[in-house]
């Protein structure tokens, strides 16, 4: 199963979702990647404070580099996961006619949290809270895909 995580800039939420899910799903056989709907940070590593918070939990995001989501991603992935409703709308706006690749919001996997999106820690500065939610959603995603 090929899964793509998508946020706005691909420097906080989606690379964290990729890194956390990769660490948790080592035996599940997932192919994971992340992208952003905007191209501001293409080629850059994840945001330093996000990397620091992730590393404290054992997730090394340093090898990851930001890239922009493209319509071709619909053919390259079996599942696309957006971090919020705006990302979802932007992703679906690029959907090729006739493509049926599922696109879901990450928090759909953990409705018990009451969250309808993964808040962007670039703005909220709550890197640990973001990682808490990502870990919960990743656990549920892996369970759903296993």
Protein backbone atom coordinates (compact mmCIF):
# COMPACT_ATOMS: atom_id res chain seq x y z
CA UNK A 1 0.00 0.00 0.00
CA UNK A 2 1.37 3.40 -1.03
CA UNK A 3 0.29 6.27 1.24
CA UNK A 4 0.93 10.00 0.78
CA UNK A 5 0.49 12.52 3.62
CA UNK A 6 -0.27 16.11 2.56
CA UNK A 7 -0.28 19.41 4.42
CA UNK A 8 0.28 23.01 3.32
CA UNK A 9 4.06 23.47 3.21
CA UNK A 10 5.34 19.93 3.83
CA UNK A 11 7.64 21.04 6.65
CA UNK A 12 5.66 20.18 9.81
CA UNK A 13 2.54 18.01 9.77
CA UNK A 14 2.91 15.80 6.70
CA UNK A 15 6.61 14.96 7.15
CA UNK A 16 5.87 14.20 10.81
CA UNK A 17 2.98 11.94 9.80
CA UNK A 18 5.30 10.22 7.33
CA UNK A 19 8.09 9.76 9.89
CA UNK A 20 5.83 8.64 12.74
CA UNK A 21 3.90 6.21 10.57
CA UNK A 22 7.11 4.81 9.08
CA UNK A 23 8.52 4.16 12.55
CA UNK A 24 5.29 2.55 13.78
CA UNK A 25 4.62 0.44 10.67
CA UNK A 26 8.01 -1.12 10.02
CA UNK A 27 6.52 -4.58 9.63
CA UNK A 28 3.33 -3.63 7.77
CA UNK A 29 4.91 -3.05 4.36
CA UNK A 30 3.74 0.48 3.61
CA UNK A 31 5.41 2.82 1.14
CA UNK A 32 5.14 6.33 2.57
CA UNK A 33 5.80 9.85 1.33
CA UNK A 34 4.66 13.39 2.08
CA UNK A 35 3.99 16.56 0.11
CA UNK A 36 2.59 20.06 0.45
CA UNK A 37 -0.15 21.78 -1.49
CA UNK A 38 2.03 24.92 -1.66
CA UNK A 39 5.53 25.04 -3.11
CA UNK A 40 7.16 27.53 -0.74
CA UNK A 41 9.53 25.05 0.90
CA UNK A 42 10.34 22.63 -1.94
CA UNK A 43 13.70 20.96 -1.28
CA UNK A 44 13.89 22.12 2.35
CA UNK A 45 14.08 19.80 5.37
CA UNK A 46 11.27 19.80 7.92
CA UNK A 47 11.00 22.86 10.16
CA UNK A 48 13.74 22.74 12.83
CA UNK A 49 11.43 22.98 15.89
CA UNK A 50 9.28 20.17 14.44
CA UNK A 51 12.37 18.04 13.91
CA UNK A 52 13.52 18.70 17.49
CA UNK A 53 10.15 17.71 18.97
CA UNK A 54 10.00 14.57 16.81
CA UNK A 55 13.58 13.57 17.64
CA UNK A 56 12.79 13.74 21.38
CA UNK A 57 10.27 10.97 20.68
CA UNK A 58 12.68 8.96 18.55
CA UNK A 59 11.48 10.08 15.10
CA UNK A 60 14.28 11.29 12.81
CA UNK A 61 12.79 13.59 10.16
CA UNK A 62 16.15 14.94 8.97
CA UNK A 63 16.36 12.88 5.73
CA UNK A 64 12.99 14.21 4.50
CA UNK A 65 12.71 17.06 1.99
CA UNK A 66 9.64 19.08 1.08
CA UNK A 67 7.99 18.61 -2.26
CA UNK A 68 4.81 19.90 -3.82
CA UNK A 69 1.74 17.75 -4.38
CA UNK A 70 0.90 17.20 -8.06
CA UNK A 71 -1.92 15.58 -10.01
CA UNK A 72 0.48 12.72 -10.83
CA UNK A 73 0.37 11.73 -7.15
CA UNK A 74 -3.13 10.36 -7.69
CA UNK A 75 -1.64 7.65 -9.90
CA UNK A 76 1.41 7.06 -7.68
CA UNK A 77 -0.44 6.41 -4.40
CA UNK A 78 -3.22 4.12 -3.21
CA UNK A 79 -4.33 6.50 -0.44
CA UNK A 80 -3.81 10.22 0.04
CA UNK A 81 -4.20 11.68 3.53
CA UNK A 82 -4.79 15.39 4.09
CA UNK A 83 -4.07 17.11 7.38
CA UNK A 84 -7.10 19.43 7.18
CA UNK A 85 -10.17 20.34 5.11
CA UNK A 86 -8.35 23.05 3.14
CA UNK A 87 -5.65 20.56 2.11
CA UNK A 88 -8.40 18.09 1.20
CA UNK A 89 -10.08 20.66 -1.03
CA UNK A 90 -6.78 21.66 -2.68
CA UNK A 91 -5.90 18.01 -3.32
CA UNK A 92 -9.29 17.22 -4.81
CA UNK A 93 -9.02 20.33 -6.97
CA UNK A 94 -6.11 18.65 -8.77
CA UNK A 95 -7.83 15.27 -9.13
CA UNK A 96 -7.68 14.02 -12.73
CA UNK A 97 -11.04 13.25 -14.32
CA UNK A 98 -11.97 9.64 -13.70
CA UNK A 99 -9.45 9.08 -10.90
CA UNK A 100 -10.84 7.36 -7.81
CA UNK A 101 -7.84 7.35 -5.45
CA UNK A 102 -9.27 7.80 -1.95
CA UNK A 103 -8.42 11.03 -0.13
CA UNK A 104 -9.17 11.29 3.58
CA UNK A 105 -8.44 13.66 6.44
CA UNK A 106 -5.95 12.07 8.88
CA UNK A 107 -8.17 12.65 11.91
CA UNK A 108 -10.90 10.52 10.28
CA UNK A 109 -8.86 7.56 11.55
CA UNK A 110 -9.20 8.65 15.18
CA UNK A 111 -12.67 10.14 15.67
CA UNK A 112 -12.43 9.50 19.40
CA UNK A 113 -10.05 12.48 19.63
CA UNK A 114 -12.81 14.89 18.61
CA UNK A 115 -10.34 16.61 16.27
CA UNK A 116 -11.44 17.43 12.74
CA UNK A 117 -7.93 18.33 11.56
CA UNK A 118 -4.28 18.25 12.60
CA UNK A 119 -3.49 21.82 13.75
CA UNK A 120 -0.45 23.36 12.09
CA UNK A 121 2.30 23.78 14.71
CA UNK A 122 4.11 26.26 12.45
CA UNK A 123 1.36 28.67 13.58
CA UNK A 124 0.19 27.19 16.90
CA UNK A 125 3.73 26.40 18.17
CA UNK A 126 2.27 23.24 19.79
CA UNK A 127 4.69 20.71 18.29
CA UNK A 128 4.10 18.15 21.03
CA UNK A 129 0.32 18.39 20.74
CA UNK A 130 0.64 17.92 16.99
CA UNK A 131 2.80 14.83 17.48
CA UNK A 132 0.36 13.43 20.07
CA UNK A 133 -2.46 13.64 17.54
CA UNK A 134 -0.31 12.28 14.70
CA UNK A 135 0.70 9.28 16.82
CA UNK A 136 -2.95 8.54 17.62
CA UNK A 137 -4.01 8.84 13.98
CA UNK A 138 -1.03 6.81 12.73
CA UNK A 139 -1.82 3.98 15.15
CA UNK A 140 -5.40 3.86 13.89
CA UNK A 141 -4.32 4.11 10.23
CA UNK A 142 -1.91 1.20 10.61
CA UNK A 143 -4.57 -0.87 12.35
CA UNK A 144 -7.00 -0.05 9.51
CA UNK A 145 -4.52 -0.98 6.77
CA UNK A 146 -3.14 -4.14 8.41
